[in-house]
Amino acid sequence: MTSEQELLTKWRSLPQDKQEEVLYFVEFLGLKNSANKIPLGERLQQIRTRIVASGKHLLGTSK
């Protein structure tokens, strides 16, 4: 089994919230190693957009 197959098998066995954590971590590693880093403000806006789209509440807001 290749490393890619092993990773995918382990990832599939995780609950969805943990799968999302893995994806965020992989994105973090990719950005950390990227020569063309996205400016912080733009990255924060992307994160905010993703949180809002997921239906989760932002800090300081209530429903």
PDB file of N, CA and C in Angstrom:
ATOM      1  N   MET A   1       0.847  -1.171   0.000  1.00  0.00           N
ATOM      2  CA  MET A   1       0.000   0.000   0.000  1.00  0.00           C
ATOM      3  C   MET A   1       0.899   1.243   0.000  1.00  0.00           C
ATOM      4  N   THR A   2       0.605   2.164  -0.886  1.00  0.00           N
ATOM      5  CA  THR A   2       1.394   3.394  -0.951  1.00  0.00           C
ATOM      6  C   THR A   2       1.020   4.312   0.207  1.00  0.00           C
ATOM      7  N   SER A   3       1.854   5.294   0.456  1.00  0.00           N
ATOM      8  CA  SER A   3       1.566   6.275   1.505  1.00  0.00           C
ATOM      9  C   SER A   3       0.245   6.994   1.232  1.00  0.00           C
ATOM     10  N   GLU A   4       0.001   7.299  -0.032  1.00  0.00           N
ATOM     11  CA  GLU A   4      -1.239   7.975  -0.413  1.00  0.00           C
ATOM     12  C   GLU A   4      -2.453   7.104  -0.102  1.00  0.00           C
ATOM     13  N   GLN A   5      -2.381   5.834  -0.435  1.00  0.00           N
ATOM     14  CA  GLN A   5      -3.490   4.915  -0.155  1.00  0.00           C
ATOM     15  C   GLN A   5      -3.701   4.747   1.347  1.00  0.00           C
ATOM     16  N   GLU A   6      -2.602   4.651   2.088  1.00  0.00           N
ATOM     17  CA  GLU A   6      -2.687   4.496   3.536  1.00  0.00           C
ATOM     18  C   GLU A   6      -3.324   5.730   4.177  1.00  0.00           C
ATOM     19  N   LEU A   7      -2.909   6.895   3.728  1.00  0.00           N
ATOM     20  CA  LEU A   7      -3.469   8.136   4.246  1.00  0.00           C
ATOM     21  C   LEU A   7      -4.967   8.217   3.957  1.00  0.00           C
ATOM     22  N   LEU A   8      -5.355   7.895   2.743  1.00  0.00           N
ATOM     23  CA  LEU A   8      -6.761   7.950   2.363  1.00  0.00           C
ATOM     24  C   LEU A   8      -7.593   6.953   3.171  1.00  0.00           C
ATOM     25  N   THR A   9      -7.087   5.757   3.384  1.00  0.00           N
ATOM     26  CA  THR A   9      -7.792   4.751   4.176  1.00  0.00           C
ATOM     27  C   THR A   9      -8.002   5.243   5.610  1.00  0.00           C
ATOM     28  N   LYS A  10      -6.958   5.803   6.203  1.00  0.00           N
ATOM     29  CA  LYS A  10      -7.065   6.311   7.574  1.00  0.00           C
ATOM     30  C   LYS A  10      -7.996   7.513   7.632  1.00  0.00           C
ATOM     31  N   TRP A  11      -7.912   8.396   6.636  1.00  0.00           N
ATOM     32  CA  TRP A  11      -8.758   9.585   6.594  1.00  0.00           C
ATOM     33  C   TRP A  11     -10.228   9.195   6.505  1.00  0.00           C
ATOM     34  N   ARG A  12     -10.547   8.207   5.692  1.00  0.00           N
ATOM     35  CA  ARG A  12     -11.936   7.762   5.530  1.00  0.00           C
ATOM     36  C   ARG A  12     -12.514   7.178   6.812  1.00  0.00           C
ATOM     37  N   SER A  13     -11.652   6.671   7.689  1.00  0.00           N
ATOM     38  CA  SER A  13     -12.144   6.075   8.932  1.00  0.00           C
ATOM     39  C   SER A  13     -12.445   7.130  10.010  1.00  0.00           C
ATOM     40  N   LEU A  14     -12.077   8.380   9.758  1.00  0.00           N
ATOM     41  CA  LEU A  14     -12.307   9.451  10.727  1.00  0.00           C
ATOM     42  C   LEU A  14     -13.717  10.019  10.601  1.00  0.00           C
ATOM     43  N   PRO A  15     -14.264  10.552  11.703  1.00  0.00           N
ATOM     44  CA  PRO A  15     -15.538  11.278  11.603  1.00  0.00           C
ATOM     45  C   PRO A  15     -15.346  12.530  10.749  1.00  0.00           C
ATOM     46  N   GLN A  16     -16.438  13.060  10.209  1.00  0.00           N
ATOM     47  CA  GLN A  16     -16.344  14.173   9.267  1.00  0.00           C
ATOM     48  C   GLN A  16     -15.641  15.385   9.855  1.00  0.00           C
ATOM     49  N   ASP A  17     -15.889  15.716  11.126  1.00  0.00           N
ATOM     50  CA  ASP A  17     -15.237  16.891  11.697  1.00  0.00           C
ATOM     51  C   ASP A  17     -13.721  16.722  11.757  1.00  0.00           C
ATOM     52  N   LYS A  18     -13.270  15.500  12.000  1.00  0.00           N
ATOM     53  CA  LYS A  18     -11.832  15.232  12.028  1.00  0.00           C
ATOM     54  C   LYS A  18     -11.249  15.231  10.613  1.00  0.00           C
ATOM     55  N   GLN A  19     -12.033  14.771   9.632  1.00  0.00           N
ATOM     56  CA  GLN A  19     -11.587  14.840   8.242  1.00  0.00           C
ATOM     57  C   GLN A  19     -11.348  16.292   7.835  1.00  0.00           C
ATOM     58  N   GLU A  20     -12.251  17.191   8.270  1.00  0.00           N
ATOM     59  CA  GLU A  20     -12.091  18.608   7.961  1.00  0.00           C
ATOM     60  C   GLU A  20     -10.839  19.170   8.619  1.00  0.00           C
ATOM     61  N   GLU A  21     -10.548  18.746   9.849  1.00  0.00           N
ATOM     62  CA  GLU A  21      -9.327  19.194  10.515  1.00  0.00           C
ATOM     63  C   GLU A  21      -8.083  18.776   9.729  1.00  0.00           C
ATOM     64  N   VAL A  22      -8.106  17.550   9.220  1.00  0.00           N
ATOM     65  CA  VAL A  22      -6.973  17.062   8.421  1.00  0.00           C
ATOM     66  C   VAL A  22      -6.820  17.921   7.166  1.00  0.00           C
ATOM     67  N   LEU A  23      -7.930  18.227   6.511  1.00  0.00           N
ATOM     68  CA  LEU A  23      -7.864  19.055   5.303  1.00  0.00           C
ATOM     69  C   LEU A  23      -7.303  20.437   5.609  1.00  0.00           C
ATOM     70  N   TYR A  24      -7.758  21.043   6.714  1.00  0.00           N
ATOM     71  CA  TYR A  24      -7.229  22.352   7.092  1.00  0.00           C
ATOM     72  C   TYR A  24      -5.735  22.271   7.376  1.00  0.00           C
ATOM     73  N   PHE A  25      -5.305  21.199   8.014  1.00  0.00           N
ATOM     74  CA  PHE A  25      -3.884  21.034   8.317  1.00  0.00           C
ATOM     75  C   PHE A  25      -3.062  20.888   7.039  1.00  0.00           C
ATOM     76  N   VAL A  26      -3.577  20.107   6.099  1.00  0.00           N
ATOM     77  CA  VAL A  26      -2.874  19.923   4.823  1.00  0.00           C
ATOM     78  C   VAL A  26      -2.795  21.260   4.077  1.00  0.00           C
ATOM     79  N   GLU A  27      -3.890  22.043   4.108  1.00  0.00           N
ATOM     80  CA  GLU A  27      -3.865  23.366   3.493  1.00  0.00           C
ATOM     81  C   GLU A  27      -2.812  24.247   4.166  1.00  0.00           C
ATOM     82  N   PHE A  28      -2.759  24.181   5.498  1.00  0.00           N
ATOM     83  CA  PHE A  28      -1.768  24.953   6.245  1.00  0.00           C
ATOM     84  C   PHE A  28      -0.357  24.581   5.805  1.00  0.00           C
ATOM     85  N   LEU A  29      -0.086  23.286   5.708  1.00  0.00           N
ATOM     86  CA  LEU A  29       1.244  22.852   5.284  1.00  0.00           C
ATOM     87  C   LEU A  29       1.557  23.331   3.872  1.00  0.00           C
ATOM     88  N   GLY A  30       0.564  23.272   2.991  1.00  0.00           N
ATOM     89  CA  GLY A  30       0.766  23.738   1.623  1.00  0.00           C
ATOM     90  C   GLY A  30       1.074  25.225   1.574  1.00  0.00           C
ATOM     91  N   LEU A  31       0.343  26.011   2.367  1.00  0.00           N
ATOM     92  CA  LEU A  31       0.589  27.450   2.399  1.00  0.00           C
ATOM     93  C   LEU A  31       1.945  27.759   3.007  1.00  0.00           C
ATOM     94  N   LYS A  32       2.302  27.005   4.015  1.00  0.00           N
ATOM     95  CA  LYS A  32       3.578  27.211   4.697  1.00  0.00           C
ATOM     96  C   LYS A  32       4.752  26.998   3.728  1.00  0.00           C
ATOM     97  N   ASN A  33       4.585  26.069   2.816  1.00  0.00           N
ATOM     98  CA  ASN A  33       5.653  25.740   1.874  1.00  0.00           C
ATOM     99  C   ASN A  33       5.530  26.464   0.533  1.00  0.00           C
ATOM    100  N   SER A  34       4.472  27.222   0.382  1.00  0.00           N
ATOM    101  CA  SER A  34       4.218  27.888  -0.894  1.00  0.00           C
ATOM    102  C   SER A  34       5.121  29.107  -1.080  1.00  0.00           C
ATOM    103  N   ALA A  35       5.639  29.253  -2.267  1.00  0.00           N
ATOM    104  CA  ALA A  35       6.462  30.426  -2.579  1.00  0.00           C
ATOM    105  C   ALA A  35       5.568  31.651  -2.784  1.00  0.00           C
ATOM    106  N   ASN A  36       4.336  31.429  -3.237  1.00  0.00           N
ATOM    107  CA  ASN A  36       3.386  32.523  -3.488  1.00  0.00           C
ATOM    108  C   ASN A  36       2.347  32.556  -2.376  1.00  0.00           C
ATOM    109  N   LYS A  37       2.740  33.004  -1.203  1.00  0.00           N
ATOM    110  CA  LYS A  37       1.832  33.028  -0.063  1.00  0.00           C
ATOM    111  C   LYS A  37       0.740  34.072  -0.282  1.00  0.00           C
ATOM    112  N   ILE A  38      -0.457  33.711   0.149  1.00  0.00           N
ATOM    113  CA  ILE A  38      -1.594  34.614   0.080  1.00  0.00           C
ATOM    114  C   ILE A  38      -1.460  35.614   1.232  1.00  0.00           C
ATOM    115  N   PRO A  39      -1.717  36.894   0.986  1.00  0.00           N
ATOM    116  CA  PRO A  39      -1.656  37.872   2.068  1.00  0.00           C
ATOM    117  C   PRO A  39      -2.610  37.488   3.203  1.00  0.00           C
ATOM    118  N   LEU A  40      -2.210  37.802   4.427  1.00  0.00           N
ATOM    119  CA  LEU A  40      -2.968  37.399   5.604  1.00  0.00           C
ATOM    120  C   LEU A  40      -4.420  37.843   5.540  1.00  0.00           C
ATOM    121  N   GLY A  41      -4.673  39.082   5.158  1.00  0.00           N
ATOM    122  CA  GLY A  41      -6.046  39.587   5.096  1.00  0.00           C
ATOM    123  C   GLY A  41      -6.912  38.772   4.148  1.00  0.00           C
ATOM    124  N   GLU A  42      -6.354  38.428   3.013  1.00  0.00           N
ATOM    125  CA  GLU A  42      -7.093  37.626   2.030  1.00  0.00           C
ATOM    126  C   GLU A  42      -7.355  36.219   2.567  1.00  0.00           C
ATOM    127  N   ARG A  43      -6.361  35.640   3.219  1.00  0.00           N
ATOM    128  CA  ARG A  43      -6.511  34.302   3.795  1.00  0.00           C
ATOM    129  C   ARG A  43      -7.580  34.300   4.889  1.00  0.00           C
ATOM    130  N   LEU A  44      -7.575  35.335   5.737  1.00  0.00           N
ATOM    131  CA  LEU A  44      -8.585  35.426   6.791  1.00  0.00           C
ATOM    132  C   LEU A  44      -9.987  35.552   6.201  1.00  0.00           C
ATOM    133  N   GLN A  45     -10.116  36.307   5.112  1.00  0.00           N
ATOM    134  CA  GLN A  45     -11.416  36.429   4.450  1.00  0.00           C
ATOM    135  C   GLN A  45     -11.865  35.084   3.891  1.00  0.00           C
ATOM    136  N   GLN A  46     -10.944  34.309   3.324  1.00  0.00           N
ATOM    137  CA  GLN A  46     -11.282  32.976   2.821  1.00  0.00           C
ATOM    138  C   GLN A  46     -11.763  32.077   3.951  1.00  0.00           C
ATOM    139  N   ILE A  47     -11.070  32.142   5.089  1.00  0.00           N
ATOM    140  CA  ILE A  47     -11.452  31.325   6.242  1.00  0.00           C
ATOM    141  C   ILE A  47     -12.834  31.733   6.732  1.00  0.00           C
ATOM    142  N   ARG A  48     -13.080  33.056   6.839  1.00  0.00           N
ATOM    143  CA  ARG A  48     -14.383  33.537   7.291  1.00  0.00           C
ATOM    144  C   ARG A  48     -15.486  33.061   6.352  1.00  0.00           C
ATOM    145  N   THR A  49     -15.253  33.177   5.051  1.00  0.00           N
ATOM    146  CA  THR A  49     -16.239  32.742   4.063  1.00  0.00           C
ATOM    147  C   THR A  49     -16.553  31.262   4.215  1.00  0.00           C
ATOM    148  N   ARG A  50     -15.523  30.450   4.441  1.00  0.00           N
ATOM    149  CA  ARG A  50     -15.707  29.011   4.611  1.00  0.00           C
ATOM    150  C   ARG A  50     -16.523  28.705   5.874  1.00  0.00           C
ATOM    151  N   ILE A  51     -16.242  29.427   6.959  1.00  0.00           N
ATOM    152  CA  ILE A  51     -16.982  29.213   8.211  1.00  0.00           C
ATOM    153  C   ILE A  51     -18.446  29.585   8.032  1.00  0.00           C
ATOM    154  N   VAL A  52     -18.709  30.746   7.444  1.00  0.00           N
ATOM    155  CA  VAL A  52     -20.089  31.184   7.225  1.00  0.00           C
ATOM    156  C   VAL A  52     -20.828  30.183   6.340  1.00  0.00           C
ATOM    157  N   ALA A  53     -20.179  29.708   5.292  1.00  0.00           N
ATOM    158  CA  ALA A  53     -20.803  28.739   4.378  1.00  0.00           C
ATOM    159  C   ALA A  53     -21.115  27.418   5.070  1.00  0.00           C
ATOM    160  N   SER A  54     -20.342  27.089   6.090  1.00  0.00           N
ATOM    161  CA  SER A  54     -20.574  25.824   6.799  1.00  0.00           C
ATOM    162  C   SER A  54     -21.766  25.907   7.743  1.00  0.00           C
ATOM    163  N   GLY A  55     -22.261  27.124   7.980  1.00  0.00           N
ATOM    164  CA  GLY A  55     -23.393  27.296   8.876  1.00  0.00           C
ATOM    165  C   GLY A  55     -22.995  27.508  10.331  1.00  0.00           C
ATOM    166  N   LYS A  56     -21.700  27.491  10.590  1.00  0.00           N
ATOM    167  CA  LYS A  56     -21.237  27.715  11.955  1.00  0.00           C
ATOM    168  C   LYS A  56     -21.294  29.209  12.259  1.00  0.00           C
ATOM    169  N   HIS A  57     -21.428  29.534  13.541  1.00  0.00           N
ATOM    170  CA  HIS A  57     -21.491  30.929  13.955  1.00  0.00           C
ATOM    171  C   HIS A  57     -20.096  31.479  14.187  1.00  0.00           C
ATOM    172  N   LEU A  58     -19.932  32.733  13.815  1.00  0.00           N
ATOM    173  CA  LEU A  58     -18.663  33.410  14.073  1.00  0.00           C
ATOM    174  C   LEU A  58     -18.620  33.835  15.530  1.00  0.00           C
ATOM    175  N   LEU A  59     -17.437  33.999  16.068  1.00  0.00           N
ATOM    176  CA  LEU A  59     -17.306  34.477  17.446  1.00  0.00           C
ATOM    177  C   LEU A  59     -17.959  35.846  17.550  1.00  0.00           C
ATOM    178  N   GLY A  60     -18.643  36.073  18.655  1.00  0.00           N
ATOM    179  CA  GLY A  60     -19.265  37.365  18.862  1.00  0.00           C
ATOM    180  C   GLY A  60     -20.638  37.483  18.233  1.00  0.00           C
ATOM    181  N   THR A  61     -21.090  36.444  17.549  1.00  0.00           N
ATOM    182  CA  THR A  61     -22.445  36.452  16.976  1.00  0.00           C
ATOM    183  C   THR A  61     -23.248  35.371  17.645  1.00  0.00           C
ATOM    184  N   SER A  62     -24.527  35.574  17.700  1.00  0.00           N
ATOM    185  CA  SER A  62     -25.397  34.550  18.294  1.00  0.00           C
ATOM    186  C   SER A  62     -26.663  34.400  17.473  1.00  0.00           C
ATOM    187  N   LYS A  63     -27.225  33.233  17.579  1.00  0.00           N
ATOM    188  CA  LYS A  63     -28.497  32.947  16.901  1.00  0.00           C
ATOM    189  C   LYS A  63     -29.294  32.040  17.763  1.00  0.00           C
TER     190      LYS A  63
END
